[in-house]
């Protein structure tokens, strides 16, 4: 987003991302904390499936980017982190993630370091 961009937010409840062929592409910003990653991880998997299908068969879905902001107390509490890193590697520039840890005292592993902010 840029200054003065219009955004839509949704907190809690039932939500999903189901773009239809021919829809205009949208850029998603997903924000999760702790176990709140569960539904958003499903959305990321769906986006990855659509990107994979798009690259493999040329479907009519026009996809934007997906950026996940995910926070937990420590990196050990970041659920699905290896899967998320795999999605970022498989779809560079299309799926990205910034992890934020709030109470980590120990060293952060090298694989996560470029993607982690916080303590």
PDB file of N, CA and C in Angstrom:
ATOM      1  N   UNK A   1       0.836  -1.191   0.000  1.00  0.00           N
ATOM      2  CA  UNK A   1       0.000   0.000   0.000  1.00  0.00           C
ATOM      3  C   UNK A   1       0.876   1.247   0.000  1.00  0.00           C
ATOM      4  N   UNK A   2       0.335   2.268  -0.484  1.00  0.00           N
ATOM      5  CA  UNK A   2       0.994   3.560  -0.435  1.00  0.00           C
ATOM      6  C   UNK A   2       0.121   4.501   0.384  1.00  0.00           C
ATOM      7  N   UNK A   3       0.680   5.636   0.745  1.00  0.00           N
ATOM      8  CA  UNK A   3      -0.053   6.631   1.495  1.00  0.00           C
ATOM      9  C   UNK A   3      -1.358   6.956   0.774  1.00  0.00           C
ATOM     10  N   UNK A   4      -2.432   6.973   1.502  1.00  0.00           N
ATOM     11  CA  UNK A   4      -3.777   7.268   1.006  1.00  0.00           C
ATOM     12  C   UNK A   4      -4.397   6.132   0.189  1.00  0.00           C
ATOM     13  N   UNK A   5      -3.793   4.929   0.221  1.00  0.00           N
ATOM     14  CA  UNK A   5      -4.412   3.784  -0.447  1.00  0.00           C
ATOM     15  C   UNK A   5      -5.652   3.356   0.323  1.00  0.00           C
ATOM     16  N   UNK A   6      -6.608   2.847  -0.394  1.00  0.00           N
ATOM     17  CA  UNK A   6      -7.805   2.314   0.244  1.00  0.00           C
ATOM     18  C   UNK A   6      -7.583   0.826   0.490  1.00  0.00           C
ATOM     19  N   UNK A   7      -7.854   0.372   1.694  1.00  0.00           N
ATOM     20  CA  UNK A   7      -7.699  -1.035   2.037  1.00  0.00           C
ATOM     21  C   UNK A   7      -8.962  -1.525   2.725  1.00  0.00           C
ATOM     22  N   UNK A   8      -9.177  -2.836   2.666  1.00  0.00           N
ATOM     23  CA  UNK A   8     -10.289  -3.459   3.382  1.00  0.00           C
ATOM     24  C   UNK A   8      -9.701  -4.378   4.436  1.00  0.00           C
ATOM     25  N   UNK A   9     -10.234  -4.326   5.633  1.00  0.00           N
ATOM     26  CA  UNK A   9      -9.768  -5.172   6.724  1.00  0.00           C
ATOM     27  C   UNK A   9     -10.910  -6.036   7.218  1.00  0.00           C
ATOM     28  N   UNK A  10     -10.544  -7.225   7.665  1.00  0.00           N
ATOM     29  CA  UNK A  10     -11.525  -8.104   8.269  1.00  0.00           C
ATOM     30  C   UNK A  10     -10.850  -8.791   9.434  1.00  0.00           C
ATOM     31  N   UNK A  11     -11.475  -8.774  10.569  1.00  0.00           N
ATOM     32  CA  UNK A  11     -10.920  -9.385  11.764  1.00  0.00           C
ATOM     33  C   UNK A  11     -11.872 -10.463  12.250  1.00  0.00           C
ATOM     34  N   UNK A  12     -11.341 -11.675  12.416  1.00  0.00           N
ATOM     35  CA  UNK A  12     -12.141 -12.772  12.968  1.00  0.00           C
ATOM     36  C   UNK A  12     -13.253 -13.231  12.046  1.00  0.00           C
ATOM     37  N   UNK A  13     -13.985 -14.216  12.506  1.00  0.00           N
ATOM     38  CA  UNK A  13     -15.125 -14.735  11.759  1.00  0.00           C
ATOM     39  C   UNK A  13     -14.722 -15.670  10.633  1.00  0.00           C
ATOM     40  N   UNK A  14     -15.698 -16.021   9.821  1.00  0.00           N
ATOM     41  CA  UNK A  14     -15.460 -16.890   8.669  1.00  0.00           C
ATOM     42  C   UNK A  14     -14.976 -16.026   7.511  1.00  0.00           C
ATOM     43  N   UNK A  15     -13.849 -16.393   6.938  1.00  0.00           N
ATOM     44  CA  UNK A  15     -13.362 -15.654   5.786  1.00  0.00           C
ATOM     45  C   UNK A  15     -12.584 -16.589   4.885  1.00  0.00           C
ATOM     46  N   UNK A  16     -12.470 -16.196   3.628  1.00  0.00           N
ATOM     47  CA  UNK A  16     -11.813 -17.026   2.627  1.00  0.00           C
ATOM     48  C   UNK A  16     -11.361 -16.131   1.482  1.00  0.00           C
ATOM     49  N   UNK A  17     -10.526 -16.701   0.622  1.00  0.00           N
ATOM     50  CA  UNK A  17     -10.091 -16.004  -0.590  1.00  0.00           C
ATOM     51  C   UNK A  17     -10.357 -16.948  -1.748  1.00  0.00           C
ATOM     52  N   UNK A  18     -11.286 -16.584  -2.597  1.00  0.00           N
ATOM     53  CA  UNK A  18     -11.680 -17.451  -3.703  1.00  0.00           C
ATOM     54  C   UNK A  18     -11.828 -16.625  -4.980  1.00  0.00           C
ATOM     55  N   UNK A  19     -10.687 -16.224  -5.566  1.00  0.00           N
ATOM     56  CA  UNK A  19     -10.794 -15.441  -6.801  1.00  0.00           C
ATOM     57  C   UNK A  19     -11.349 -16.289  -7.937  1.00  0.00           C
ATOM     58  N   UNK A  20     -12.102 -15.655  -8.779  1.00  0.00           N
ATOM     59  CA  UNK A  20     -12.696 -16.340  -9.924  1.00  0.00           C
ATOM     60  C   UNK A  20     -11.951 -15.957 -11.198  1.00  0.00           C
ATOM     61  N   UNK A  21     -11.931 -16.856 -12.192  1.00  0.00           N
ATOM     62  CA  UNK A  21     -11.304 -16.492 -13.463  1.00  0.00           C
ATOM     63  C   UNK A  21     -11.937 -15.205 -13.999  1.00  0.00           C
ATOM     64  N   UNK A  22     -11.118 -14.313 -14.451  1.00  0.00           N
ATOM     65  CA  UNK A  22     -11.618 -13.048 -14.981  1.00  0.00           C
ATOM     66  C   UNK A  22     -11.676 -11.925 -13.957  1.00  0.00           C
ATOM     67  N   UNK A  23     -11.597 -12.252 -12.649  1.00  0.00           N
ATOM     68  CA  UNK A  23     -11.549 -11.197 -11.631  1.00  0.00           C
ATOM     69  C   UNK A  23     -10.274 -10.380 -11.809  1.00  0.00           C
ATOM     70  N   UNK A  24     -10.327  -9.121 -11.438  1.00  0.00           N
ATOM     71  CA  UNK A  24      -9.114  -8.303 -11.433  1.00  0.00           C
ATOM     72  C   UNK A  24      -8.161  -8.825 -10.364  1.00  0.00           C
ATOM     73  N   UNK A  25      -6.861  -8.774 -10.635  1.00  0.00           N
ATOM     74  CA  UNK A  25      -5.913  -9.246  -9.612  1.00  0.00           C
ATOM     75  C   UNK A  25      -5.935  -8.335  -8.391  1.00  0.00           C
ATOM     76  N   UNK A  26      -5.764  -8.947  -7.228  1.00  0.00           N
ATOM     77  CA  UNK A  26      -5.668  -8.185  -5.985  1.00  0.00           C
ATOM     78  C   UNK A  26      -4.376  -8.570  -5.278  1.00  0.00           C
ATOM     79  N   UNK A  27      -3.812  -7.626  -4.579  1.00  0.00           N
ATOM     80  CA  UNK A  27      -2.659  -7.893  -3.740  1.00  0.00           C
ATOM     81  C   UNK A  27      -3.164  -8.063  -2.314  1.00  0.00           C
ATOM     82  N   UNK A  28      -2.829  -9.193  -1.705  1.00  0.00           N
ATOM     83  CA  UNK A  28      -3.293  -9.480  -0.353  1.00  0.00           C
ATOM     84  C   UNK A  28      -2.221  -9.169   0.674  1.00  0.00           C
ATOM     85  N   UNK A  29      -2.633  -8.621   1.792  1.00  0.00           N
ATOM     86  CA  UNK A  29      -1.784  -8.474   2.963  1.00  0.00           C
ATOM     87  C   UNK A  29      -2.492  -9.253   4.062  1.00  0.00           C
ATOM     88  N   UNK A  30      -1.848 -10.320   4.518  1.00  0.00           N
ATOM     89  CA  UNK A  30      -2.408 -11.183   5.553  1.00  0.00           C
ATOM     90  C   UNK A  30      -1.640 -10.951   6.842  1.00  0.00           C
ATOM     91  N   UNK A  31      -2.359 -10.744   7.947  1.00  0.00           N
ATOM     92  CA  UNK A  31      -1.722 -10.452   9.226  1.00  0.00           C
ATOM     93  C   UNK A  31      -2.196 -11.485  10.241  1.00  0.00           C
ATOM     94  N   UNK A  32      -1.222 -12.185  10.849  1.00  0.00           N
ATOM     95  CA  UNK A  32      -1.568 -13.246  11.798  1.00  0.00           C
ATOM     96  C   UNK A  32      -0.708 -13.157  13.047  1.00  0.00           C
ATOM     97  N   UNK A  33      -1.265 -13.612  14.138  1.00  0.00           N
ATOM     98  CA  UNK A  33      -0.520 -13.736  15.381  1.00  0.00           C
ATOM     99  C   UNK A  33      -0.781 -15.108  15.980  1.00  0.00           C
ATOM    100  N   UNK A  34       0.282 -15.799  16.361  1.00  0.00           N
ATOM    101  CA  UNK A  34       0.147 -17.108  17.006  1.00  0.00           C
ATOM    102  C   UNK A  34      -0.622 -18.100  16.165  1.00  0.00           C
ATOM    103  N   UNK A  35      -1.594 -18.787  16.810  1.00  0.00           N
ATOM    104  CA  UNK A  35      -2.360 -19.810  16.100  1.00  0.00           C
ATOM    105  C   UNK A  35      -3.351 -19.218  15.104  1.00  0.00           C
ATOM    106  N   UNK A  36      -3.472 -17.887  15.078  1.00  0.00           N
ATOM    107  CA  UNK A  36      -4.315 -17.238  14.084  1.00  0.00           C
ATOM    108  C   UNK A  36      -3.818 -17.435  12.663  1.00  0.00           C
ATOM    109  N   UNK A  37      -2.664 -18.068  12.528  1.00  0.00           N
ATOM    110  CA  UNK A  37      -2.113 -18.362  11.207  1.00  0.00           C
ATOM    111  C   UNK A  37      -2.918 -19.441  10.469  1.00  0.00           C
ATOM    112  N   UNK A  38      -3.633 -20.274  11.187  1.00  0.00           N
ATOM    113  CA  UNK A  38      -4.283 -21.434  10.563  1.00  0.00           C
ATOM    114  C   UNK A  38      -5.123 -21.098   9.334  1.00  0.00           C
ATOM    115  N   UNK A  39      -6.125 -20.233   9.409  1.00  0.00           N
ATOM    116  CA  UNK A  39      -6.898 -19.960   8.194  1.00  0.00           C
ATOM    117  C   UNK A  39      -6.082 -19.228   7.131  1.00  0.00           C
ATOM    118  N   UNK A  40      -5.144 -18.399   7.559  1.00  0.00           N
ATOM    119  CA  UNK A  40      -4.344 -17.658   6.589  1.00  0.00           C
ATOM    120  C   UNK A  40      -3.356 -18.565   5.869  1.00  0.00           C
ATOM    121  N   UNK A  41      -2.869 -19.590   6.561  1.00  0.00           N
ATOM    122  CA  UNK A  41      -1.997 -20.553   5.905  1.00  0.00           C
ATOM    123  C   UNK A  41      -2.772 -21.306   4.821  1.00  0.00           C
ATOM    124  N   UNK A  42      -4.025 -21.616   5.088  1.00  0.00           N
ATOM    125  CA  UNK A  42      -4.866 -22.259   4.065  1.00  0.00           C
ATOM    126  C   UNK A  42      -5.030 -21.348   2.857  1.00  0.00           C
ATOM    127  N   UNK A  43      -5.202 -20.066   3.095  1.00  0.00           N
ATOM    128  CA  UNK A  43      -5.305 -19.105   1.989  1.00  0.00           C
ATOM    129  C   UNK A  43      -3.999 -19.083   1.200  1.00  0.00           C
ATOM    130  N   UNK A  44      -2.851 -19.078   1.902  1.00  0.00           N
ATOM    131  CA  UNK A  44      -1.553 -19.103   1.199  1.00  0.00           C
ATOM    132  C   UNK A  44      -1.412 -20.359   0.337  1.00  0.00           C
ATOM    133  N   UNK A  45      -1.833 -21.506   0.863  1.00  0.00           N
ATOM    134  CA  UNK A  45      -1.761 -22.744   0.080  1.00  0.00           C
ATOM    135  C   UNK A  45      -2.643 -22.651  -1.163  1.00  0.00           C
ATOM    136  N   UNK A  46      -3.815 -22.056  -1.014  1.00  0.00           N
ATOM    137  CA  UNK A  46      -4.720 -21.889  -2.162  1.00  0.00           C
ATOM    138  C   UNK A  46      -4.083 -20.974  -3.211  1.00  0.00           C
ATOM    139  N   UNK A  47      -3.475 -19.887  -2.752  1.00  0.00           N
ATOM    140  CA  UNK A  47      -2.793 -18.976  -3.674  1.00  0.00           C
ATOM    141  C   UNK A  47      -1.653 -19.694  -4.390  1.00  0.00           C
ATOM    142  N   UNK A  48      -0.886 -20.487  -3.645  1.00  0.00           N
ATOM    143  CA  UNK A  48       0.212 -21.244  -4.262  1.00  0.00           C
ATOM    144  C   UNK A  48      -0.330 -22.225  -5.300  1.00  0.00           C
ATOM    145  N   UNK A  49      -1.437 -22.890  -4.986  1.00  0.00           N
ATOM    146  CA  UNK A  49      -2.046 -23.806  -5.960  1.00  0.00           C
ATOM    147  C   UNK A  49      -2.442 -23.060  -7.227  1.00  0.00           C
ATOM    148  N   UNK A  50      -3.060 -21.891  -7.064  1.00  0.00           N
ATOM    149  CA  UNK A  50      -3.467 -21.110  -8.239  1.00  0.00           C
ATOM    150  C   UNK A  50      -2.264 -20.634  -9.033  1.00  0.00           C
ATOM    151  N   UNK A  51      -1.208 -20.195  -8.348  1.00  0.00           N
ATOM    152  CA  UNK A  51       0.016 -19.790  -9.055  1.00  0.00           C
ATOM    153  C   UNK A  51       0.623 -20.976  -9.793  1.00  0.00           C
ATOM    154  N   UNK A  52       0.674 -22.125  -9.141  1.00  0.00           N
ATOM    155  CA  UNK A  52       1.223 -23.326  -9.775  1.00  0.00           C
ATOM    156  C   UNK A  52       0.403 -23.754 -10.975  1.00  0.00           C
ATOM    157  N   UNK A  53      -0.907 -23.692 -10.834  1.00  0.00           N
ATOM    158  CA  UNK A  53      -1.793 -24.049 -11.936  1.00  0.00           C
ATOM    159  C   UNK A  53      -1.638 -23.039 -13.073  1.00  0.00           C
ATOM    160  N   UNK A  54      -1.527 -21.781 -12.698  1.00  0.00           N
ATOM    161  CA  UNK A  54      -1.380 -20.718 -13.704  1.00  0.00           C
ATOM    162  C   UNK A  54      -0.105 -20.921 -14.510  1.00  0.00           C
ATOM    163  N   UNK A  55       0.987 -21.250 -13.831  1.00  0.00           N
ATOM    164  CA  UNK A  55       2.261 -21.443 -14.523  1.00  0.00           C
ATOM    165  C   UNK A  55       2.249 -22.719 -15.358  1.00  0.00           C
ATOM    166  N   UNK A  56       1.576 -23.747 -14.853  1.00  0.00           N
ATOM    167  CA  UNK A  56       1.591 -25.030 -15.536  1.00  0.00           C
ATOM    168  C   UNK A  56       0.617 -25.138 -16.690  1.00  0.00           C
ATOM    169  N   UNK A  57      -0.549 -24.511 -16.583  1.00  0.00           N
ATOM    170  CA  UNK A  57      -1.580 -24.732 -17.589  1.00  0.00           C
ATOM    171  C   UNK A  57      -2.167 -23.461 -18.179  1.00  0.00           C
ATOM    172  N   UNK A  58      -1.717 -22.323 -17.715  1.00  0.00           N
ATOM    173  CA  UNK A  58      -2.221 -21.072 -18.273  1.00  0.00           C
ATOM    174  C   UNK A  58      -3.680 -20.824 -17.984  1.00  0.00           C
ATOM    175  N   UNK A  59      -4.093 -20.932 -16.716  1.00  0.00           N
ATOM    176  CA  UNK A  59      -5.505 -20.685 -16.410  1.00  0.00           C
ATOM    177  C   UNK A  59      -5.832 -19.202 -16.528  1.00  0.00           C
ATOM    178  N   UNK A  60      -7.081 -18.869 -16.328  1.00  0.00           N
ATOM    179  CA  UNK A  60      -7.530 -17.498 -16.524  1.00  0.00           C
ATOM    180  C   UNK A  60      -7.494 -16.664 -15.251  1.00  0.00           C
ATOM    181  N   UNK A  61      -7.014 -17.218 -14.145  1.00  0.00           N
ATOM    182  CA  UNK A  61      -6.904 -16.435 -12.917  1.00  0.00           C
ATOM    183  C   UNK A  61      -5.796 -15.398 -13.057  1.00  0.00           C
ATOM    184  N   UNK A  62      -6.108 -14.185 -12.696  1.00  0.00           N
ATOM    185  CA  UNK A  62      -5.101 -13.123 -12.668  1.00  0.00           C
ATOM    186  C   UNK A  62      -4.789 -12.883 -11.198  1.00  0.00           C
ATOM    187  N   UNK A  63      -3.601 -13.261 -10.782  1.00  0.00           N
ATOM    188  CA  UNK A  63      -3.258 -13.183  -9.372  1.00  0.00           C
ATOM    189  C   UNK A  63      -2.288 -12.047  -9.096  1.00  0.00           C
ATOM    190  N   UNK A  64      -2.512 -11.376  -7.982  1.00  0.00           N
ATOM    191  CA  UNK A  64      -1.570 -10.375  -7.506  1.00  0.00           C
ATOM    192  C   UNK A  64      -0.576 -11.053  -6.573  1.00  0.00           C
ATOM    193  N   UNK A  65      -0.061 -10.293  -5.651  1.00  0.00           N
ATOM    194  CA  UNK A  65       0.898 -10.817  -4.695  1.00  0.00           C
ATOM    195  C   UNK A  65       0.216 -11.079  -3.357  1.00  0.00           C
ATOM    196  N   UNK A  66       0.869 -11.889  -2.542  1.00  0.00           N
ATOM    197  CA  UNK A  66       0.396 -12.148  -1.179  1.00  0.00           C
ATOM    198  C   UNK A  66       1.559 -11.902  -0.234  1.00  0.00           C
ATOM    199  N   UNK A  67       1.348 -11.053   0.754  1.00  0.00           N
ATOM    200  CA  UNK A  67       2.372 -10.759   1.755  1.00  0.00           C
ATOM    201  C   UNK A  67       1.794 -11.094   3.115  1.00  0.00           C
ATOM    202  N   UNK A  68       2.501 -11.963   3.826  1.00  0.00           N
ATOM    203  CA  UNK A  68       2.076 -12.389   5.155  1.00  0.00           C
ATOM    204  C   UNK A  68       2.939 -11.713   6.210  1.00  0.00           C
ATOM    205  N   UNK A  69       2.301 -11.117   7.195  1.00  0.00           N
ATOM    206  CA  UNK A  69       2.964 -10.616   8.395  1.00  0.00           C
ATOM    207  C   UNK A  69       2.512 -11.521   9.532  1.00  0.00           C
ATOM    208  N   UNK A  70       3.475 -12.191  10.164  1.00  0.00           N
ATOM    209  CA  UNK A  70       3.136 -13.214  11.141  1.00  0.00           C
ATOM    210  C   UNK A  70       3.978 -13.021  12.393  1.00  0.00           C
ATOM    211  N   UNK A  71       3.324 -12.892  13.543  1.00  0.00           N
ATOM    212  CA  UNK A  71       4.001 -12.614  14.793  1.00  0.00           C
ATOM    213  C   UNK A  71       3.754 -13.715  15.816  1.00  0.00           C
ATOM    214  N   UNK A  72       4.783 -13.983  16.617  1.00  0.00           N
ATOM    215  CA  UNK A  72       4.682 -14.922  17.734  1.00  0.00           C
ATOM    216  C   UNK A  72       5.721 -14.515  18.769  1.00  0.00           C
ATOM    217  N   UNK A  73       5.665 -15.132  19.938  1.00  0.00           N
ATOM    218  CA  UNK A  73       6.632 -14.814  20.989  1.00  0.00           C
ATOM    219  C   UNK A  73       8.043 -15.202  20.581  1.00  0.00           C
ATOM    220  N   UNK A  74       8.205 -16.405  20.020  1.00  0.00           N
ATOM    221  CA  UNK A  74       9.521 -16.909  19.609  1.00  0.00           C
ATOM    222  C   UNK A  74       9.394 -17.588  18.255  1.00  0.00           C
ATOM    223  N   UNK A  75      10.518 -17.821  17.610  1.00  0.00           N
ATOM    224  CA  UNK A  75      10.473 -18.505  16.311  1.00  0.00           C
ATOM    225  C   UNK A  75       9.950 -19.938  16.448  1.00  0.00           C
ATOM    226  N   UNK A  76      10.130 -20.546  17.601  1.00  0.00           N
ATOM    227  CA  UNK A  76       9.610 -21.909  17.786  1.00  0.00           C
ATOM    228  C   UNK A  76       8.085 -21.916  17.802  1.00  0.00           C
ATOM    229  N   UNK A  77       7.470 -20.780  18.070  1.00  0.00           N
ATOM    230  CA  UNK A  77       6.008 -20.688  18.072  1.00  0.00           C
ATOM    231  C   UNK A  77       5.431 -20.248  16.732  1.00  0.00           C
ATOM    232  N   UNK A  78       6.277 -20.020  15.741  1.00  0.00           N
ATOM    233  CA  UNK A  78       5.807 -19.684  14.400  1.00  0.00           C
ATOM    234  C   UNK A  78       5.406 -20.978  13.698  1.00  0.00           C
ATOM    235  N   UNK A  79       4.118 -21.263  13.677  1.00  0.00           N
ATOM    236  CA  UNK A  79       3.623 -22.487  13.045  1.00  0.00           C
ATOM    237  C   UNK A  79       3.805 -22.410  11.528  1.00  0.00           C
ATOM    238  N   UNK A  80       4.052 -23.535  10.916  1.00  0.00           N
ATOM    239  CA  UNK A  80       4.162 -23.657   9.451  1.00  0.00           C
ATOM    240  C   UNK A  80       5.315 -22.852   8.845  1.00  0.00           C
ATOM    241  N   UNK A  81       6.287 -22.424   9.666  1.00  0.00           N
ATOM    242  CA  UNK A  81       7.345 -21.545   9.142  1.00  0.00           C
ATOM    243  C   UNK A  81       8.126 -22.191   8.006  1.00  0.00           C
ATOM    244  N   UNK A  82       8.433 -23.485   8.103  1.00  0.00           N
ATOM    245  CA  UNK A  82       9.184 -24.144   7.017  1.00  0.00           C
ATOM    246  C   UNK A  82       8.336 -24.229   5.757  1.00  0.00           C
ATOM    247  N   UNK A  83       7.050 -24.482   5.925  1.00  0.00           N
ATOM    248  CA  UNK A  83       6.153 -24.523   4.768  1.00  0.00           C
ATOM    249  C   UNK A  83       6.046 -23.150   4.107  1.00  0.00           C
ATOM    250  N   UNK A  84       5.966 -22.110   4.928  1.00  0.00           N
ATOM    251  CA  UNK A  84       5.862 -20.747   4.404  1.00  0.00           C
ATOM    252  C   UNK A  84       7.139 -20.368   3.658  1.00  0.00           C
ATOM    253  N   UNK A  85       8.295 -20.719   4.231  1.00  0.00           N
ATOM    254  CA  UNK A  85       9.559 -20.459   3.535  1.00  0.00           C
ATOM    255  C   UNK A  85       9.599 -21.201   2.206  1.00  0.00           C
ATOM    256  N   UNK A  86       9.073 -22.419   2.174  1.00  0.00           N
ATOM    257  CA  UNK A  86       9.014 -23.193   0.932  1.00  0.00           C
ATOM    258  C   UNK A  86       8.144 -22.523  -0.116  1.00  0.00           C
ATOM    259  N   UNK A  87       7.009 -21.963   0.316  1.00  0.00           N
ATOM    260  CA  UNK A  87       6.134 -21.254  -0.623  1.00  0.00           C
ATOM    261  C   UNK A  87       6.823 -20.009  -1.173  1.00  0.00           C
ATOM    262  N   UNK A  88       7.550 -19.306  -0.307  1.00  0.00           N
ATOM    263  CA  UNK A  88       8.263 -18.114  -0.769  1.00  0.00           C
ATOM    264  C   UNK A  88       9.342 -18.490  -1.776  1.00  0.00           C
ATOM    265  N   UNK A  89       9.999 -19.601  -1.541  1.00  0.00           N
ATOM    266  CA  UNK A  89      11.049 -20.062  -2.452  1.00  0.00           C
ATOM    267  C   UNK A  89      10.450 -20.524  -3.780  1.00  0.00           C
ATOM    268  N   UNK A  90       9.296 -21.193  -3.723  1.00  0.00           N
ATOM    269  CA  UNK A  90       8.652 -21.705  -4.936  1.00  0.00           C
ATOM    270  C   UNK A  90       8.040 -20.600  -5.791  1.00  0.00           C
ATOM    271  N   UNK A  91       7.597 -19.512  -5.129  1.00  0.00           N
ATOM    272  CA  UNK A  91       6.926 -18.428  -5.846  1.00  0.00           C
ATOM    273  C   UNK A  91       7.550 -17.089  -5.450  1.00  0.00           C
ATOM    274  N   UNK A  92       8.824 -16.878  -5.811  1.00  0.00           N
ATOM    275  CA  UNK A  92       9.514 -15.647  -5.396  1.00  0.00           C
ATOM    276  C   UNK A  92       8.831 -14.397  -5.945  1.00  0.00           C
ATOM    277  N   UNK A  93       8.671 -13.434  -5.062  1.00  0.00           N
ATOM    278  CA  UNK A  93       8.031 -12.183  -5.451  1.00  0.00           C
ATOM    279  C   UNK A  93       6.518 -12.242  -5.481  1.00  0.00           C
ATOM    280  N   UNK A  94       5.963 -13.437  -5.490  1.00  0.00           N
ATOM    281  CA  UNK A  94       4.512 -13.591  -5.513  1.00  0.00           C
ATOM    282  C   UNK A  94       3.969 -13.851  -4.112  1.00  0.00           C
ATOM    283  N   UNK A  95       4.718 -14.626  -3.325  1.00  0.00           N
ATOM    284  CA  UNK A  95       4.359 -14.901  -1.937  1.00  0.00           C
ATOM    285  C   UNK A  95       5.551 -14.504  -1.080  1.00  0.00           C
ATOM    286  N   UNK A  96       5.340 -13.568  -0.154  1.00  0.00           N
ATOM    287  CA  UNK A  96       6.417 -13.132   0.737  1.00  0.00           C
ATOM    288  C   UNK A  96       5.908 -13.127   2.174  1.00  0.00           C
ATOM    289  N   UNK A  97       6.851 -13.130   3.099  1.00  0.00           N
ATOM    290  CA  UNK A  97       6.481 -13.160   4.506  1.00  0.00           C
ATOM    291  C   UNK A  97       7.495 -12.410   5.346  1.00  0.00           C
ATOM    292  N   UNK A  98       6.991 -11.715   6.349  1.00  0.00           N
ATOM    293  CA  UNK A  98       7.822 -11.106   7.385  1.00  0.00           C
ATOM    294  C   UNK A  98       7.367 -11.695   8.714  1.00  0.00           C
ATOM    295  N   UNK A  99       8.270 -12.374   9.389  1.00  0.00           N
ATOM    296  CA  UNK A  99       7.993 -12.908  10.714  1.00  0.00           C
ATOM    297  C   UNK A  99       8.407 -11.863  11.738  1.00  0.00           C
ATOM    298  N   UNK A 100       7.686 -11.776  12.831  1.00  0.00           N
ATOM    299  CA  UNK A 100       8.046 -10.864  13.918  1.00  0.00           C
ATOM    300  C   UNK A 100       7.987 -11.644  15.228  1.00  0.00           C
ATOM    301  N   UNK A 101       9.052 -11.597  15.980  1.00  0.00           N
ATOM    302  CA  UNK A 101       9.067 -12.261  17.286  1.00  0.00           C
ATOM    303  C   UNK A 101       9.187 -11.193  18.371  1.00  0.00           C
ATOM    304  N   UNK A 102       8.503 -11.417  19.479  1.00  0.00           N
ATOM    305  CA  UNK A 102       8.414 -10.401  20.515  1.00  0.00           C
ATOM    306  C   UNK A 102       9.232 -10.713  21.768  1.00  0.00           C
ATOM    307  N   UNK A 103       9.558 -12.002  22.005  1.00  0.00           N
ATOM    308  CA  UNK A 103      10.231 -12.341  23.253  1.00  0.00           C
ATOM    309  C   UNK A 103      11.393 -13.308  23.065  1.00  0.00           C
ATOM    310  N   UNK A 104      11.963 -13.357  21.898  1.00  0.00           N
ATOM    311  CA  UNK A 104      13.064 -14.291  21.620  1.00  0.00           C
ATOM    312  C   UNK A 104      14.350 -13.776  22.240  1.00  0.00           C
ATOM    313  N   UNK A 105      14.989 -14.611  23.050  1.00  0.00           N
ATOM    314  CA  UNK A 105      16.283 -14.255  23.644  1.00  0.00           C
ATOM    315  C   UNK A 105      17.421 -14.988  22.948  1.00  0.00           C
ATOM    316  N   UNK A 106      17.139 -16.158  22.401  1.00  0.00           N
ATOM    317  CA  UNK A 106      18.180 -16.959  21.759  1.00  0.00           C
ATOM    318  C   UNK A 106      18.388 -16.522  20.307  1.00  0.00           C
ATOM    319  N   UNK A 107      19.479 -17.006  19.733  1.00  0.00           N
ATOM    320  CA  UNK A 107      19.834 -16.705  18.346  1.00  0.00           C
ATOM    321  C   UNK A 107      18.766 -17.243  17.390  1.00  0.00           C
ATOM    322  N   UNK A 108      18.478 -16.502  16.348  1.00  0.00           N
ATOM    323  CA  UNK A 108      17.522 -16.938  15.324  1.00  0.00           C
ATOM    324  C   UNK A 108      18.287 -17.694  14.252  1.00  0.00           C
ATOM    325  N   UNK A 109      17.759 -18.840  13.828  1.00  0.00           N
ATOM    326  CA  UNK A 109      18.460 -19.666  12.845  1.00  0.00           C
ATOM    327  C   UNK A 109      18.670 -18.882  11.546  1.00  0.00           C
ATOM    328  N   UNK A 110      19.748 -19.237  10.831  1.00  0.00           N
ATOM    329  CA  UNK A 110      20.138 -18.500   9.616  1.00  0.00           C
ATOM    330  C   UNK A 110      19.057 -18.514   8.550  1.00  0.00           C
ATOM    331  N   UNK A 111      18.318 -19.599   8.447  1.00  0.00           N
ATOM    332  CA  UNK A 111      17.277 -19.715   7.427  1.00  0.00           C
ATOM    333  C   UNK A 111      16.176 -18.655   7.633  1.00  0.00           C
ATOM    334  N   UNK A 112      15.875 -18.368   8.900  1.00  0.00           N
ATOM    335  CA  UNK A 112      14.815 -17.400   9.208  1.00  0.00           C
ATOM    336  C   UNK A 112      15.300 -15.962   9.315  1.00  0.00           C
ATOM    337  N   UNK A 113      16.585 -15.763   9.613  1.00  0.00           N
ATOM    338  CA  UNK A 113      17.107 -14.423   9.900  1.00  0.00           C
ATOM    339  C   UNK A 113      16.694 -13.346   8.899  1.00  0.00           C
ATOM    340  N   UNK A 114      16.760 -13.619   7.585  1.00  0.00           N
ATOM    341  CA  UNK A 114      16.396 -12.535   6.651  1.00  0.00           C
ATOM    342  C   UNK A 114      14.930 -12.123   6.719  1.00  0.00           C
ATOM    343  N   UNK A 115      14.091 -12.956   7.334  1.00  0.00           N
ATOM    344  CA  UNK A 115      12.651 -12.723   7.322  1.00  0.00           C
ATOM    345  C   UNK A 115      12.104 -12.341   8.685  1.00  0.00           C
ATOM    346  N   UNK A 116      12.968 -12.221   9.717  1.00  0.00           N
ATOM    347  CA  UNK A 116      12.507 -11.981  11.083  1.00  0.00           C
ATOM    348  C   UNK A 116      12.872 -10.580  11.545  1.00  0.00           C
ATOM    349  N   UNK A 117      11.903  -9.929  12.186  1.00  0.00           N
ATOM    350  CA  UNK A 117      12.156  -8.670  12.864  1.00  0.00           C
ATOM    351  C   UNK A 117      11.778  -8.860  14.329  1.00  0.00           C
ATOM    352  N   UNK A 118      12.124  -7.932  15.147  1.00  0.00           N
ATOM    353  CA  UNK A 118      11.788  -8.004  16.571  1.00  0.00           C
ATOM    354  C   UNK A 118      13.007  -8.289  17.387  1.00  0.00           C
ATOM    355  N   UNK A 119      12.772  -8.801  18.595  1.00  0.00           N
ATOM    356  CA  UNK A 119      13.866  -9.049  19.544  1.00  0.00           C
ATOM    357  C   UNK A 119      14.664 -10.263  19.165  1.00  0.00           C
TER     358      UNK A 119
END
